[in-house]
Amino acid sequence: MVSVSGITPSGRLTLGNHLGALRRFGADSAGDDFYFVADLHAMTTKHDPRRLARLTREAATLMLAAGLPPGSVFIQSAVPAHAQLAYLLECTSYVGELSRMIQYKEKGNGRPMTRASLFTYPCLMAADILLYGAEKVPVGGDQDQHVELARDIAIRFNREYGETFVVPQLEKAKQAARVRDLATPTAKMDKSAPDDAIGTIRLLDPPDVIRRQVMRAVTDSGDEVRHDYEQKPGVTNLLEILAACTDGDAVELATAYSSYGQLKTDVAEAVLAVIEPLQKRYADLATDQAELDSILAAGRDRAIEAAQPRLRAALHAMGLNG
């Protein structure tokens, strides 16, 4: 089964990105999947072009360092079919369904100077998925709505213009789909947070910074260590991070602790055990920029070749000669 997924370079990638996405992609990929840095999606709000270019490169290198096969990783904007198919899907979508998308409702609806791309980018996300005949889409819980829209668009297109697209299935992460912020455990750990945010662990942070972030994590009143989203969100977040890093069970792990301090210490060490090998592989890749360029070019060329037949089929189905 072909799988496709992307990561938007809206900030430096976090522990949550690794546990909820990258590590799973690397473990599950059979070499015929497609994983991309969604740099076009990072342009729906005001951005610094130089920072975007730097973060795009960094994200692509981290994806490879996480074990994604060379040839499966590429930069979205390097494959023109993504933007081309997005417009065709805009011509298949309705204003009403796009206006219900969470990102637009939270960040754009009724606000001055909202970019049109913030409203239409779910069509680009649908194009990302449908171009490659993806049968499954591994995403975190905050993207469920977009995958459902892609399914709706594919079904509608096939009905109105003829069978063209595979209707994809959502594949939810089994664990740590949403690692929460260490300072605000009711919110997810967000790569778009400021670089100096105290509740965020960045994948390229030095070990002493990571350890300090964990030890400063917000816990809860009382001293009982137990898994309880409602009453103990801070402790529960730490337990779930520990479980994800060690392939354990968060509820069972709680029974081994009688203090928050020991839990934090173990979480810090578990996080470092996951991140330090990733950082070493990243450093190895980053030292040879020419080789990295070659790997990304191979991914781009493979994606272009795979995307063209379905793009041509969509153009033909809609009466165009492209």
C-alpha atoms as a PDB file:
ATOM      1  CA  MET A   1       0.000   0.000   0.000  1.00  0.00           C
ATOM      2  CA  VAL A   2       1.332   3.421  -0.977  1.00  0.00           C
ATOM      3  CA  SER A   3       1.555   5.947   1.861  1.00  0.00           C
ATOM      4  CA  VAL A   4       2.045   9.707   1.548  1.00  0.00           C
ATOM      5  CA  SER A   5       2.563  12.395   4.175  1.00  0.00           C
ATOM      6  CA  GLY A   6       4.184  15.791   4.538  1.00  0.00           C
ATOM      7  CA  ILE A   7       5.508  18.113   7.239  1.00  0.00           C
ATOM      8  CA  THR A   8       5.150  21.889   6.994  1.00  0.00           C
ATOM      9  CA  PRO A   9       8.367  23.806   7.797  1.00  0.00           C
ATOM     10  CA  SER A  10       6.580  26.459   9.851  1.00  0.00           C
ATOM     11  CA  GLY A  11       9.176  26.102  12.603  1.00  0.00           C
ATOM     12  CA  ARG A  12      11.981  23.860  13.841  1.00  0.00           C
ATOM     13  CA  LEU A  13      10.773  20.280  14.210  1.00  0.00           C
ATOM     14  CA  THR A  14       9.967  19.058  17.713  1.00  0.00           C
ATOM     15  CA  LEU A  15       9.943  15.882  19.741  1.00  0.00           C
ATOM     16  CA  GLY A  16       6.246  15.622  18.909  1.00  0.00           C
ATOM     17  CA  ASN A  17       7.007  15.647  15.178  1.00  0.00           C
ATOM     18  CA  HIS A  18       9.463  12.799  15.657  1.00  0.00           C
ATOM     19  CA  LEU A  19       7.402  10.585  17.964  1.00  0.00           C
ATOM     20  CA  GLY A  20       4.126  11.205  16.179  1.00  0.00           C
ATOM     21  CA  ALA A  21       5.383  11.156  12.596  1.00  0.00           C
ATOM     22  CA  LEU A  22       9.032  10.838  11.562  1.00  0.00           C
ATOM     23  CA  ARG A  23       9.953   7.801  13.617  1.00  0.00           C
ATOM     24  CA  ARG A  24       6.833   5.978  12.492  1.00  0.00           C
ATOM     25  CA  PHE A  25       7.415   6.899   8.851  1.00  0.00           C
ATOM     26  CA  GLY A  26      10.948   5.533   9.016  1.00  0.00           C
ATOM     27  CA  ALA A  27       9.828   2.285  10.633  1.00  0.00           C
ATOM     28  CA  ASP A  28       6.849   1.692   8.349  1.00  0.00           C
ATOM     29  CA  SER A  29       8.143   2.816   4.961  1.00  0.00           C
ATOM     30  CA  ALA A  30       8.725   0.066   2.429  1.00  0.00           C
ATOM     31  CA  GLY A  31      10.501   2.349  -0.036  1.00  0.00           C
ATOM     32  CA  ASP A  32       7.510   2.929  -2.307  1.00  0.00           C
ATOM     33  CA  ASP A  33       6.032   5.720  -0.175  1.00  0.00           C
ATOM     34  CA  PHE A  34       6.245   9.500  -0.601  1.00  0.00           C
ATOM     35  CA  TYR A  35       7.253  11.928   2.153  1.00  0.00           C
ATOM     36  CA  PHE A  36       7.739  15.602   1.513  1.00  0.00           C
ATOM     37  CA  VAL A  37       8.505  18.928   3.132  1.00  0.00           C
ATOM     38  CA  ALA A  38       5.342  20.956   2.524  1.00  0.00           C
ATOM     39  CA  ASP A  39       6.974  24.333   1.921  1.00  0.00           C
ATOM     40  CA  LEU A  40       4.016  25.613  -0.122  1.00  0.00           C
ATOM     41  CA  HIS A  41       1.801  25.175   2.932  1.00  0.00           C
ATOM     42  CA  ALA A  42       4.129  27.413   4.941  1.00  0.00           C
ATOM     43  CA  MET A  43       3.169  30.360   2.726  1.00  0.00           C
ATOM     44  CA  THR A  44      -0.458  30.685   3.809  1.00  0.00           C
ATOM     45  CA  THR A  45       0.586  33.314   6.369  1.00  0.00           C
ATOM     46  CA  LYS A  46       3.311  35.978   6.354  1.00  0.00           C
ATOM     47  CA  HIS A  47       6.759  34.405   6.272  1.00  0.00           C
ATOM     48  CA  ASP A  48      10.460  35.236   5.947  1.00  0.00           C
ATOM     49  CA  PRO A  49      11.695  33.681   2.672  1.00  0.00           C
ATOM     50  CA  ARG A  50      15.222  33.046   3.981  1.00  0.00           C
ATOM     51  CA  ARG A  51      13.915  31.385   7.132  1.00  0.00           C
ATOM     52  CA  LEU A  52      11.525  29.251   5.089  1.00  0.00           C
ATOM     53  CA  ALA A  53      14.372  28.052   2.862  1.00  0.00           C
ATOM     54  CA  ARG A  54      16.517  27.221   5.903  1.00  0.00           C
ATOM     55  CA  LEU A  55      13.731  25.369   7.726  1.00  0.00           C
ATOM     56  CA  THR A  56      12.802  23.449   4.576  1.00  0.00           C
ATOM     57  CA  ARG A  57      16.337  22.155   4.208  1.00  0.00           C
ATOM     58  CA  GLU A  58      16.565  21.325   7.903  1.00  0.00           C
ATOM     59  CA  ALA A  59      13.267  19.426   7.871  1.00  0.00           C
ATOM     60  CA  ALA A  60      14.247  17.387   4.807  1.00  0.00           C
ATOM     61  CA  THR A  61      17.550  16.431   6.430  1.00  0.00           C
ATOM     62  CA  LEU A  62      15.791  15.405   9.645  1.00  0.00           C
ATOM     63  CA  MET A  63      13.372  13.232   7.688  1.00  0.00           C
ATOM     64  CA  LEU A  64      16.283  11.369   6.156  1.00  0.00           C
ATOM     65  CA  ALA A  65      18.055  11.181   9.517  1.00  0.00           C
ATOM     66  CA  ALA A  66      14.914   9.597  10.968  1.00  0.00           C
ATOM     67  CA  GLY A  67      15.319   6.671   8.598  1.00  0.00           C
ATOM     68  CA  LEU A  68      13.088   7.565   5.658  1.00  0.00           C
ATOM     69  CA  PRO A  69      14.519   5.870   2.549  1.00  0.00           C
ATOM     70  CA  PRO A  70      16.479   8.010   0.077  1.00  0.00           C
ATOM     71  CA  GLY A  71      14.237   8.504  -2.909  1.00  0.00           C
ATOM     72  CA  SER A  72      11.095   8.815  -0.805  1.00  0.00           C
ATOM     73  CA  VAL A  73      11.843  12.341   0.489  1.00  0.00           C
ATOM     74  CA  PHE A  74      11.398  15.493  -1.595  1.00  0.00           C
ATOM     75  CA  ILE A  75      10.517  19.183  -1.426  1.00  0.00           C
ATOM     76  CA  GLN A  76       6.901  19.888  -2.354  1.00  0.00           C
ATOM     77  CA  SER A  77       7.577  23.036  -4.411  1.00  0.00           C
ATOM     78  CA  ALA A  78      10.086  21.127  -6.572  1.00  0.00           C
ATOM     79  CA  VAL A  79       7.218  19.038  -7.988  1.00  0.00           C
ATOM     80  CA  PRO A  80       4.945  21.411  -9.995  1.00  0.00           C
ATOM     81  CA  ALA A  81       2.110  18.864 -10.186  1.00  0.00           C
ATOM     82  CA  HIS A  82       1.145  19.659  -6.583  1.00  0.00           C
ATOM     83  CA  ALA A  83       0.174  23.246  -7.403  1.00  0.00           C
ATOM     84  CA  GLN A  84      -1.309  22.258 -10.770  1.00  0.00           C
ATOM     85  CA  LEU A  85      -3.634  19.629  -9.357  1.00  0.00           C
ATOM     86  CA  ALA A  86      -4.542  21.908  -6.435  1.00  0.00           C
ATOM     87  CA  TYR A  87      -6.210  24.327  -8.865  1.00  0.00           C
ATOM     88  CA  LEU A  88      -8.188  21.559 -10.514  1.00  0.00           C
ATOM     89  CA  LEU A  89      -9.398  20.473  -7.079  1.00  0.00           C
ATOM     90  CA  GLU A  90     -10.334  24.052  -6.204  1.00  0.00           C
ATOM     91  CA  CYS A  91     -12.640  23.796  -9.210  1.00  0.00           C
ATOM     92  CA  THR A  92     -14.164  20.687  -7.640  1.00  0.00           C
ATOM     93  CA  SER A  93     -14.577  22.042  -4.090  1.00  0.00           C
ATOM     94  CA  TYR A  94     -17.227  24.222  -2.488  1.00  0.00           C
ATOM     95  CA  VAL A  95     -16.842  27.442  -0.528  1.00  0.00           C
ATOM     96  CA  GLY A  96     -19.003  26.042   2.249  1.00  0.00           C
ATOM     97  CA  GLU A  97     -16.810  23.039   2.956  1.00  0.00           C
ATOM     98  CA  LEU A  98     -13.598  25.064   2.810  1.00  0.00           C
ATOM     99  CA  SER A  99     -15.011  27.650   5.207  1.00  0.00           C
ATOM    100  CA  ARG A 100     -15.588  24.894   7.773  1.00  0.00           C
ATOM    101  CA  MET A 101     -11.916  23.930   7.888  1.00  0.00           C
ATOM    102  CA  ILE A 102     -10.483  24.464  11.371  1.00  0.00           C
ATOM    103  CA  GLN A 103      -7.334  26.316  10.297  1.00  0.00           C
ATOM    104  CA  TYR A 104      -9.347  28.908   8.360  1.00  0.00           C
ATOM    105  CA  LYS A 105     -11.914  29.332  11.133  1.00  0.00           C
ATOM    106  CA  GLU A 106      -9.203  29.828  13.763  1.00  0.00           C
ATOM    107  CA  LYS A 107      -6.648  31.877  11.832  1.00  0.00           C
ATOM    108  CA  GLY A 108      -8.402  33.632   8.983  1.00  0.00           C
ATOM    109  CA  ASN A 109     -12.176  33.947   9.053  1.00  0.00           C
ATOM    110  CA  GLY A 110     -13.132  37.603   9.518  1.00  0.00           C
ATOM    111  CA  ARG A 111      -9.553  38.761  10.039  1.00  0.00           C
ATOM    112  CA  PRO A 112      -8.064  41.549   7.901  1.00  0.00           C
ATOM    113  CA  MET A 113      -5.351  40.665   5.343  1.00  0.00           C
ATOM    114  CA  THR A 114      -6.081  36.942   5.446  1.00  0.00           C
ATOM    115  CA  ARG A 115      -4.391  35.328   2.484  1.00  0.00           C
ATOM    116  CA  ALA A 116      -6.579  33.517  -0.010  1.00  0.00           C
ATOM    117  CA  SER A 117      -4.226  30.550   0.238  1.00  0.00           C
ATOM    118  CA  LEU A 118      -5.254  29.997   3.859  1.00  0.00           C
ATOM    119  CA  PHE A 119      -8.786  29.403   2.601  1.00  0.00           C
ATOM    120  CA  THR A 120      -7.871  27.185  -0.358  1.00  0.00           C
ATOM    121  CA  TYR A 121      -4.873  25.272   0.989  1.00  0.00           C
ATOM    122  CA  PRO A 122      -6.982  22.188   1.914  1.00  0.00           C
ATOM    123  CA  CYS A 123      -7.254  21.693  -1.860  1.00  0.00           C
ATOM    124  CA  LEU A 124      -3.458  21.690  -2.058  1.00  0.00           C
ATOM    125  CA  MET A 125      -3.364  19.154   0.762  1.00  0.00           C
ATOM    126  CA  ALA A 126      -5.858  17.008  -1.143  1.00  0.00           C
ATOM    127  CA  ALA A 127      -3.632  17.268  -4.216  1.00  0.00           C
ATOM    128  CA  ASP A 128      -0.632  16.173  -2.129  1.00  0.00           C
ATOM    129  CA  ILE A 129      -2.510  13.002  -1.242  1.00  0.00           C
ATOM    130  CA  LEU A 130      -4.339  12.207  -4.466  1.00  0.00           C
ATOM    131  CA  LEU A 131      -1.415  12.708  -6.859  1.00  0.00           C
ATOM    132  CA  TYR A 132       0.308   9.517  -5.786  1.00  0.00           C
ATOM    133  CA  GLY A 133      -2.623   7.142  -5.490  1.00  0.00           C
ATOM    134  CA  ALA A 134      -2.072   6.992  -1.743  1.00  0.00           C
ATOM    135  CA  GLU A 135      -4.163   4.320  -0.073  1.00  0.00           C
ATOM    136  CA  LYS A 136      -3.325   5.452   3.456  1.00  0.00           C
ATOM    137  CA  VAL A 137      -2.441   8.824   4.944  1.00  0.00           C
ATOM    138  CA  PRO A 138      -0.556   8.712   8.268  1.00  0.00           C
ATOM    139  CA  VAL A 139      -1.296  11.979  10.076  1.00  0.00           C
ATOM    140  CA  GLY A 140      -1.780  13.327  13.560  1.00  0.00           C
ATOM    141  CA  GLY A 141      -5.211  13.923  15.037  1.00  0.00           C
ATOM    142  CA  ASP A 142      -5.277  17.613  14.083  1.00  0.00           C
ATOM    143  CA  GLN A 143      -5.285  16.700  10.373  1.00  0.00           C
ATOM    144  CA  ASP A 144      -8.224  14.290  10.343  1.00  0.00           C
ATOM    145  CA  GLN A 145     -10.550  16.916   8.901  1.00  0.00           C
ATOM    146  CA  HIS A 146      -8.275  17.553   5.923  1.00  0.00           C
ATOM    147  CA  VAL A 147      -8.014  13.880   5.039  1.00  0.00           C
ATOM    148  CA  GLU A 148     -11.791  13.594   5.201  1.00  0.00           C
ATOM    149  CA  LEU A 149     -12.050  16.524   2.797  1.00  0.00           C
ATOM    150  CA  ALA A 150      -9.560  14.866   0.434  1.00  0.00           C
ATOM    151  CA  ARG A 151     -11.749  11.761   0.492  1.00  0.00           C
ATOM    152  CA  ASP A 152     -14.857  13.835  -0.267  1.00  0.00           C
ATOM    153  CA  ILE A 153     -13.128  15.635  -3.142  1.00  0.00           C
ATOM    154  CA  ALA A 154     -11.861  12.373  -4.634  1.00  0.00           C
ATOM    155  CA  ILE A 155     -15.308  10.786  -4.472  1.00  0.00           C
ATOM    156  CA  ARG A 156     -16.934  13.859  -6.033  1.00  0.00           C
ATOM    157  CA  PHE A 157     -14.315  14.110  -8.792  1.00  0.00           C
ATOM    158  CA  ASN A 158     -14.658  10.435  -9.661  1.00  0.00           C
ATOM    159  CA  ARG A 159     -18.443  10.749  -9.759  1.00  0.00           C
ATOM    160  CA  GLU A 160     -18.518  13.887 -11.917  1.00  0.00           C
ATOM    161  CA  TYR A 161     -15.563  13.315 -14.254  1.00  0.00           C
ATOM    162  CA  GLY A 162     -14.862   9.592 -14.186  1.00  0.00           C
ATOM    163  CA  GLU A 163     -12.711   7.293 -12.073  1.00  0.00           C
ATOM    164  CA  THR A 164      -9.398   9.107 -11.622  1.00  0.00           C
ATOM    165  CA  PHE A 165      -8.345   9.061  -7.977  1.00  0.00           C
ATOM    166  CA  VAL A 166      -7.850   6.447  -5.283  1.00  0.00           C
ATOM    167  CA  VAL A 167      -9.994   7.327  -2.263  1.00  0.00           C
ATOM    168  CA  PRO A 168      -7.497   7.340   0.640  1.00  0.00           C
ATOM    169  CA  GLN A 169      -7.912   6.003   4.159  1.00  0.00           C
ATOM    170  CA  LEU A 170      -6.811   7.866   7.281  1.00  0.00           C
ATOM    171  CA  GLU A 171      -4.159   6.052   9.323  1.00  0.00           C
ATOM    172  CA  LYS A 172      -3.973   7.396  12.855  1.00  0.00           C
ATOM    173  CA  ALA A 173      -0.812   7.214  14.912  1.00  0.00           C
ATOM    174  CA  LYS A 174      -0.946   4.447  17.497  1.00  0.00           C
ATOM    175  CA  GLN A 175       0.898   6.420  20.162  1.00  0.00           C
ATOM    176  CA  ALA A 176       2.088   9.940  20.941  1.00  0.00           C
ATOM    177  CA  ALA A 177       0.150  11.436  18.037  1.00  0.00           C
ATOM    178  CA  ARG A 178       0.066  14.699  19.975  1.00  0.00           C
ATOM    179  CA  VAL A 179       2.912  15.267  22.406  1.00  0.00           C
ATOM    180  CA  ARG A 180       1.853  18.149  24.591  1.00  0.00           C
ATOM    181  CA  ASP A 181       3.690  21.307  25.568  1.00  0.00           C
ATOM    182  CA  LEU A 182       5.770  20.867  28.715  1.00  0.00           C
ATOM    183  CA  ALA A 183       4.798  24.299  30.045  1.00  0.00           C
ATOM    184  CA  THR A 184       1.136  24.159  28.940  1.00  0.00           C
ATOM    185  CA  PRO A 185       0.191  20.467  28.886  1.00  0.00           C
ATOM    186  CA  THR A 186      -3.327  21.189  27.663  1.00  0.00           C
ATOM    187  CA  ALA A 187      -1.857  22.351  24.323  1.00  0.00           C
ATOM    188  CA  LYS A 188       0.153  20.355  21.791  1.00  0.00           C
ATOM    189  CA  MET A 189       3.908  20.835  21.415  1.00  0.00           C
ATOM    190  CA  ASP A 190       3.907  23.135  18.407  1.00  0.00           C
ATOM    191  CA  LYS A 191       6.820  23.653  16.014  1.00  0.00           C
ATOM    192  CA  SER A 192       5.390  27.101  15.250  1.00  0.00           C
ATOM    193  CA  ALA A 193       6.039  28.225  18.832  1.00  0.00           C
ATOM    194  CA  PRO A 194       8.856  30.773  19.339  1.00  0.00           C
ATOM    195  CA  ASP A 195      12.322  29.242  19.233  1.00  0.00           C
ATOM    196  CA  ASP A 196      12.861  30.072  22.910  1.00  0.00           C
ATOM    197  CA  ALA A 197       9.555  28.585  24.112  1.00  0.00           C
ATOM    198  CA  ILE A 198      10.256  26.782  27.394  1.00  0.00           C
ATOM    199  CA  GLY A 199       7.692  24.029  26.830  1.00  0.00           C
ATOM    200  CA  THR A 200       9.044  22.843  23.478  1.00  0.00           C
ATOM    201  CA  ILE A 201      11.781  20.287  22.785  1.00  0.00           C
ATOM    202  CA  ARG A 202      13.386  20.851  19.386  1.00  0.00           C
ATOM    203  CA  LEU A 203      15.019  17.905  17.662  1.00  0.00           C
ATOM    204  CA  LEU A 204      18.297  19.767  17.247  1.00  0.00           C
ATOM    205  CA  ASP A 205      18.438  21.249  20.759  1.00  0.00           C
ATOM    206  CA  PRO A 206      21.667  20.432  22.669  1.00  0.00           C
ATOM    207  CA  PRO A 207      21.299  17.652  25.289  1.00  0.00           C
ATOM    208  CA  ASP A 208      21.653  20.058  28.228  1.00  0.00           C
ATOM    209  CA  VAL A 209      18.813  22.190  26.867  1.00  0.00           C
ATOM    210  CA  ILE A 210      16.581  19.152  26.402  1.00  0.00           C
ATOM    211  CA  ARG A 211      17.301  17.919  29.906  1.00  0.00           C
ATOM    212  CA  ARG A 212      16.574  21.354  31.359  1.00  0.00           C
ATOM    213  CA  GLN A 213      13.287  21.650  29.450  1.00  0.00           C
ATOM    214  CA  VAL A 214      12.070  18.328  30.826  1.00  0.00           C
ATOM    215  CA  MET A 215      13.119  19.063  34.395  1.00  0.00           C
ATOM    216  CA  ARG A 216      11.218  22.367  34.253  1.00  0.00           C
ATOM    217  CA  ALA A 217       8.053  20.719  32.934  1.00  0.00           C
ATOM    218  CA  VAL A 218       4.801  21.687  34.623  1.00  0.00           C
ATOM    219  CA  THR A 219       3.367  18.883  36.750  1.00  0.00           C
ATOM    220  CA  ASP A 220       0.240  19.084  38.886  1.00  0.00           C
ATOM    221  CA  SER A 221      -0.966  19.635  42.451  1.00  0.00           C
ATOM    222  CA  GLY A 222      -0.374  16.770  44.857  1.00  0.00           C
ATOM    223  CA  ASP A 223       2.399  14.221  44.527  1.00  0.00           C
ATOM    224  CA  GLU A 224       0.674  11.141  43.126  1.00  0.00           C
ATOM    225  CA  VAL A 225       1.975   9.896  39.788  1.00  0.00           C
ATOM    226  CA  ARG A 226      -0.933   8.589  37.754  1.00  0.00           C
ATOM    227  CA  HIS A 227      -2.261   8.724  34.199  1.00  0.00           C
ATOM    228  CA  ASP A 228      -5.227  11.118  34.288  1.00  0.00           C
ATOM    229  CA  TYR A 229      -5.917  13.575  31.459  1.00  0.00           C
ATOM    230  CA  GLU A 230      -8.440  15.603  33.428  1.00  0.00           C
ATOM    231  CA  GLN A 231      -6.807  15.945  36.838  1.00  0.00           C
ATOM    232  CA  LYS A 232      -3.114  15.535  35.992  1.00  0.00           C
ATOM    233  CA  PRO A 233      -2.422  16.723  32.431  1.00  0.00           C
ATOM    234  CA  GLY A 234       1.241  17.575  33.152  1.00  0.00           C
ATOM    235  CA  VAL A 235       2.116  14.214  34.670  1.00  0.00           C
ATOM    236  CA  THR A 236       0.089  12.412  32.017  1.00  0.00           C
ATOM    237  CA  ASN A 237       2.038  14.202  29.286  1.00  0.00           C
ATOM    238  CA  LEU A 238       5.345  13.115  30.840  1.00  0.00           C
ATOM    239  CA  LEU A 239       4.120   9.530  31.142  1.00  0.00           C
ATOM    240  CA  GLU A 240       3.020   9.462  27.517  1.00  0.00           C
ATOM    241  CA  ILE A 241       6.343  10.870  26.321  1.00  0.00           C
ATOM    242  CA  LEU A 242       8.142   8.213  28.368  1.00  0.00           C
ATOM    243  CA  ALA A 243       5.881   5.509  26.954  1.00  0.00           C
ATOM    244  CA  ALA A 244       6.457   6.664  23.385  1.00  0.00           C
ATOM    245  CA  CYS A 245      10.232   6.797  23.838  1.00  0.00           C
ATOM    246  CA  THR A 246      10.465   3.371  25.480  1.00  0.00           C
ATOM    247  CA  ASP A 247       7.619   1.540  23.713  1.00  0.00           C
ATOM    248  CA  GLY A 248       5.912   1.164  27.071  1.00  0.00           C
ATOM    249  CA  ASP A 249       2.397   1.664  28.409  1.00  0.00           C
ATOM    250  CA  ALA A 250       1.768   5.029  30.059  1.00  0.00           C
ATOM    251  CA  VAL A 251      -0.728   3.681  32.603  1.00  0.00           C
ATOM    252  CA  GLU A 252       1.559   0.858  33.659  1.00  0.00           C
ATOM    253  CA  LEU A 253       4.627   3.091  33.831  1.00  0.00           C
ATOM    254  CA  ALA A 254       2.883   5.359  36.339  1.00  0.00           C
ATOM    255  CA  THR A 255       2.871   2.584  38.940  1.00  0.00           C
ATOM    256  CA  ALA A 256       6.690   2.605  39.088  1.00  0.00           C
ATOM    257  CA  TYR A 257       6.943   6.187  40.368  1.00  0.00           C
ATOM    258  CA  SER A 258       6.352   7.797  43.732  1.00  0.00           C
ATOM    259  CA  SER A 259       7.808  11.236  42.885  1.00  0.00           C
ATOM    260  CA  TYR A 260       7.675  13.725  40.057  1.00  0.00           C
ATOM    261  CA  GLY A 261      11.432  14.253  40.222  1.00  0.00           C
ATOM    262  CA  GLN A 262      12.338  10.678  39.339  1.00  0.00           C
ATOM    263  CA  LEU A 263       9.736  10.636  36.582  1.00  0.00           C
ATOM    264  CA  LYS A 264      11.235  13.777  35.016  1.00  0.00           C
ATOM    265  CA  THR A 265      14.746  12.358  35.252  1.00  0.00           C
ATOM    266  CA  ASP A 266      13.697   9.172  33.468  1.00  0.00           C
ATOM    267  CA  VAL A 267      11.761  11.099  30.841  1.00  0.00           C
ATOM    268  CA  ALA A 268      14.789  13.286  30.105  1.00  0.00           C
ATOM    269  CA  GLU A 269      17.054  10.266  29.685  1.00  0.00           C
ATOM    270  CA  ALA A 270      14.510   8.459  27.510  1.00  0.00           C
ATOM    271  CA  VAL A 271      14.101  11.505  25.269  1.00  0.00           C
ATOM    272  CA  LEU A 272      17.861  11.865  24.878  1.00  0.00           C
ATOM    273  CA  ALA A 273      18.184   8.164  24.045  1.00  0.00           C
ATOM    274  CA  VAL A 274      15.827   8.780  21.117  1.00  0.00           C
ATOM    275  CA  ILE A 275      17.110  12.176  19.981  1.00  0.00           C
ATOM    276  CA  GLU A 276      20.896  11.837  20.243  1.00  0.00           C
ATOM    277  CA  PRO A 277      21.204   9.109  17.542  1.00  0.00           C
ATOM    278  CA  LEU A 278      18.943  11.213  15.316  1.00  0.00           C
ATOM    279  CA  GLN A 279      21.181  14.242  15.842  1.00  0.00           C
ATOM    280  CA  LYS A 280      24.274  12.223  14.941  1.00  0.00           C
ATOM    281  CA  ARG A 281      22.721  11.016  11.689  1.00  0.00           C
ATOM    282  CA  TYR A 282      21.616  14.584  10.941  1.00  0.00           C
ATOM    283  CA  ALA A 283      25.165  15.870  11.451  1.00  0.00           C
ATOM    284  CA  ASP A 284      26.545  13.178   9.135  1.00  0.00           C
ATOM    285  CA  LEU A 285      24.092  14.126   6.390  1.00  0.00           C
ATOM    286  CA  ALA A 286      24.620  17.862   6.823  1.00  0.00           C
ATOM    287  CA  THR A 287      28.391  17.581   6.388  1.00  0.00           C
ATOM    288  CA  ASP A 288      28.032  16.570   2.722  1.00  0.00           C
ATOM    289  CA  GLN A 289      25.703  19.087   1.103  1.00  0.00           C
ATOM    290  CA  ALA A 290      26.384  17.801  -2.414  1.00  0.00           C
ATOM    291  CA  GLU A 291      25.291  14.297  -1.429  1.00  0.00           C
ATOM    292  CA  LEU A 292      22.220  15.710   0.289  1.00  0.00           C
ATOM    293  CA  ASP A 293      21.339  17.644  -2.876  1.00  0.00           C
ATOM    294  CA  SER A 294      21.677  14.426  -4.867  1.00  0.00           C
ATOM    295  CA  ILE A 295      19.379  12.514  -2.490  1.00  0.00           C
ATOM    296  CA  LEU A 296      16.697  15.222  -2.616  1.00  0.00           C
ATOM    297  CA  ALA A 297      16.982  15.455  -6.410  1.00  0.00           C
ATOM    298  CA  ALA A 298      16.376  11.709  -6.660  1.00  0.00           C
ATOM    299  CA  GLY A 299      13.275  12.073  -4.488  1.00  0.00           C
ATOM    300  CA  ARG A 300      12.059  14.980  -6.616  1.00  0.00           C
ATOM    301  CA  ASP A 301      12.534  13.103  -9.890  1.00  0.00           C
ATOM    302  CA  ARG A 302      10.759  10.025  -8.574  1.00  0.00           C
ATOM    303  CA  ALA A 303       7.839  12.151  -7.359  1.00  0.00           C
ATOM    304  CA  ILE A 304       7.561  13.996 -10.687  1.00  0.00           C
ATOM    305  CA  GLU A 305       7.490  10.714 -12.597  1.00  0.00           C
ATOM    306  CA  ALA A 306       4.876   9.234 -10.264  1.00  0.00           C
ATOM    307  CA  ALA A 307       2.650  12.341 -10.247  1.00  0.00           C
ATOM    308  CA  GLN A 308       2.435  13.040 -13.976  1.00  0.00           C
ATOM    309  CA  PRO A 309       0.089  10.208 -15.063  1.00  0.00           C
ATOM    310  CA  ARG A 310      -2.586  11.111 -12.524  1.00  0.00           C
ATOM    311  CA  LEU A 311      -2.267  14.839 -13.232  1.00  0.00           C
ATOM    312  CA  ARG A 312      -2.671  14.178 -16.972  1.00  0.00           C
ATOM    313  CA  ALA A 313      -5.661  11.944 -16.270  1.00  0.00           C
ATOM    314  CA  ALA A 314      -7.308  14.676 -14.185  1.00  0.00           C
ATOM    315  CA  LEU A 315      -6.677  17.308 -16.858  1.00  0.00           C
ATOM    316  CA  HIS A 316      -8.134  15.043 -19.553  1.00  0.00           C
ATOM    317  CA  ALA A 317     -11.138  14.116 -17.398  1.00  0.00           C
ATOM    318  CA  MET A 318     -11.984  17.810 -16.914  1.00  0.00           C
ATOM    319  CA  GLY A 319     -11.729  18.558 -20.653  1.00  0.00           C
ATOM    320  CA  LEU A 320      -8.271  20.116 -20.673  1.00  0.00           C
ATOM    321  CA  ASN A 321      -5.380  19.323 -22.982  1.00  0.00           C
ATOM    322  CA  GLY A 322      -2.450  19.632 -20.557  1.00  0.00           C
END
